[in-house]
Amino acid sequence: MIQSRIIQCASFNEDEINVSNILLNLKDQIEESERKIREKLMRNIEKLTRCRESLRRVSNDELRQELETNHMLQYPMGQLPQAQPMFSSTNELGFVSYIGPIIGMPNIAERKA
């Protein structure tokens, strides 16, 4: 009886040690996974930062080029485009029904085309 009790206690302690070892291994695996995830996240953040900077440079260059080709080259050097004369009309209730350039004046869309 005593011997079986000792064996039960020993096996319980052995199981407890096994469970403890399993938990420690899991903890180590989780920490390693977290470290890998953090490293990958930092690499992705760095890539996104580089992409954003590159996109900003490209966007600025494209915008500058678009302004030069679609806007500035349409006007002689040193002359800025004049503001378009605008008018509005009201309906019978007195509400503004149309606001726009005077007919015959090119609008911005026509200038770009």
Protein backbone atom coordinates (compact mmCIF):
# COMPACT_ATOMS: atom_id res chain seq x y z
CA MET A 1 0.00 0.00 0.00
CA ILE A 2 2.70 2.46 0.98
CA GLN A 3 4.80 1.40 -1.97
CA SER A 4 1.94 2.00 -4.42
CA ARG A 5 1.37 5.41 -2.84
CA ILE A 6 5.05 6.26 -3.30
CA ILE A 7 4.87 5.12 -6.93
CA GLN A 8 1.76 7.25 -7.47
CA CYS A 9 3.49 10.29 -5.97
CA ALA A 10 6.60 9.68 -8.03
CA SER A 11 4.58 9.35 -11.23
CA PHE A 12 2.61 12.47 -10.32
CA ASN A 13 5.84 14.39 -9.78
CA GLU A 14 7.18 13.03 -13.06
CA ASP A 15 4.00 14.11 -14.87
CA GLU A 16 4.23 17.50 -13.20
CA ILE A 17 7.83 17.86 -14.35
CA ASN A 18 6.81 16.83 -17.90
CA VAL A 19 3.99 19.37 -17.93
CA SER A 20 6.34 22.02 -16.59
CA ASN A 21 8.89 21.22 -19.30
CA ILE A 22 6.19 21.33 -21.97
CA LEU A 23 5.01 24.71 -20.70
CA LEU A 24 8.57 26.06 -20.67
CA ASN A 25 9.08 24.83 -24.24
CA LEU A 26 5.81 26.46 -25.30
CA LYS A 27 6.83 29.69 -23.60
CA ASP A 28 10.16 29.65 -25.47
CA GLN A 29 8.39 28.94 -28.77
CA ILE A 30 5.93 31.78 -28.16
CA GLU A 31 8.75 34.21 -27.33
CA GLU A 32 10.64 33.14 -30.46
CA SER A 33 7.50 33.59 -32.58
CA GLU A 34 6.90 37.03 -31.06
CA ARG A 35 10.50 38.02 -31.83
CA LYS A 36 10.16 36.86 -35.45
CA ILE A 37 6.85 38.70 -35.82
CA ARG A 38 8.38 41.90 -34.38
CA GLU A 39 11.34 41.64 -36.76
CA LYS A 40 9.07 41.05 -39.74
CA LEU A 41 6.84 43.94 -38.69
CA MET A 42 9.85 46.26 -38.42
CA ARG A 43 11.06 45.18 -41.88
CA ASN A 44 7.59 45.83 -43.31
CA ILE A 45 7.44 49.25 -41.63
CA GLU A 46 10.83 50.11 -43.14
CA LYS A 47 9.65 48.94 -46.58
CA LEU A 48 6.46 50.98 -46.28
CA THR A 49 8.44 54.05 -45.23
CA ARG A 50 10.75 53.69 -48.24
CA CYS A 51 7.75 53.16 -50.55
CA ARG A 52 5.98 56.21 -49.14
CA GLU A 53 9.08 58.36 -49.61
CA SER A 54 9.53 57.04 -53.13
CA LEU A 55 5.87 57.65 -53.92
CA ARG A 56 6.11 61.17 -52.54
CA ARG A 57 9.12 61.87 -54.77
CA VAL A 58 7.41 60.34 -57.80
CA SER A 59 4.16 62.16 -57.05
CA ASN A 60 5.96 65.47 -56.67
CA ASP A 61 7.89 64.89 -59.89
CA GLU A 62 4.74 63.84 -61.76
CA LEU A 63 2.81 66.78 -60.35
CA ARG A 64 5.58 69.18 -61.31
CA GLN A 65 5.72 67.69 -64.80
CA GLU A 66 1.93 67.83 -65.16
CA LEU A 67 1.88 71.46 -64.07
CA GLU A 68 4.64 72.30 -66.51
CA THR A 69 3.06 70.51 -69.46
CA ASN A 70 -0.64 71.09 -68.86
CA HIS A 71 -0.66 74.49 -67.26
CA MET A 72 2.45 76.59 -67.43
CA LEU A 73 3.35 75.89 -71.06
CA GLN A 74 0.00 77.23 -72.22
CA TYR A 75 0.93 80.73 -71.15
CA PRO A 76 3.80 82.91 -72.36
CA MET A 77 6.72 83.16 -69.98
CA GLY A 78 6.04 85.58 -67.15
CA GLN A 79 2.28 85.70 -67.68
CA LEU A 80 -0.11 84.01 -65.33
CA PRO A 81 -3.55 82.90 -66.41
CA GLN A 82 -6.33 85.35 -65.67
CA ALA A 83 -9.23 84.44 -63.44
CA GLN A 84 -12.34 83.47 -65.33
CA PRO A 85 -15.24 85.92 -65.15
CA MET A 86 -18.05 84.19 -63.28
CA PHE A 87 -21.76 84.77 -63.16
CA SER A 88 -24.68 83.21 -61.39
CA SER A 89 -28.31 82.97 -62.24
CA THR A 90 -31.24 82.59 -59.93
CA ASN A 91 -34.46 80.73 -60.46
CA GLU A 92 -37.95 82.10 -59.84
CA LEU A 93 -37.66 81.45 -56.09
CA GLY A 94 -34.46 83.44 -55.82
CA PHE A 95 -32.14 80.48 -55.34
CA VAL A 96 -28.87 80.34 -57.23
CA SER A 97 -29.35 77.77 -59.95
CA TYR A 98 -26.07 78.08 -61.83
CA ILE A 99 -22.64 79.37 -61.09
CA GLY A 100 -20.04 79.07 -63.76
CA PRO A 101 -17.81 80.75 -66.27
CA ILE A 102 -19.29 83.04 -68.83
CA ILE A 103 -20.06 81.05 -71.94
CA GLY A 104 -17.28 81.28 -74.46
CA MET A 105 -14.52 81.47 -71.87
CA PRO A 106 -12.43 78.28 -71.68
CA ASN A 107 -12.72 76.46 -68.42
CA ILE A 108 -9.98 74.52 -66.68
CA ALA A 109 -11.01 71.18 -68.19
CA GLU A 110 -10.84 72.65 -71.69
CA ARG A 111 -7.41 74.10 -70.97
CA LYS A 112 -6.09 70.69 -69.93
CA ALA A 113 -7.51 68.94 -73.00
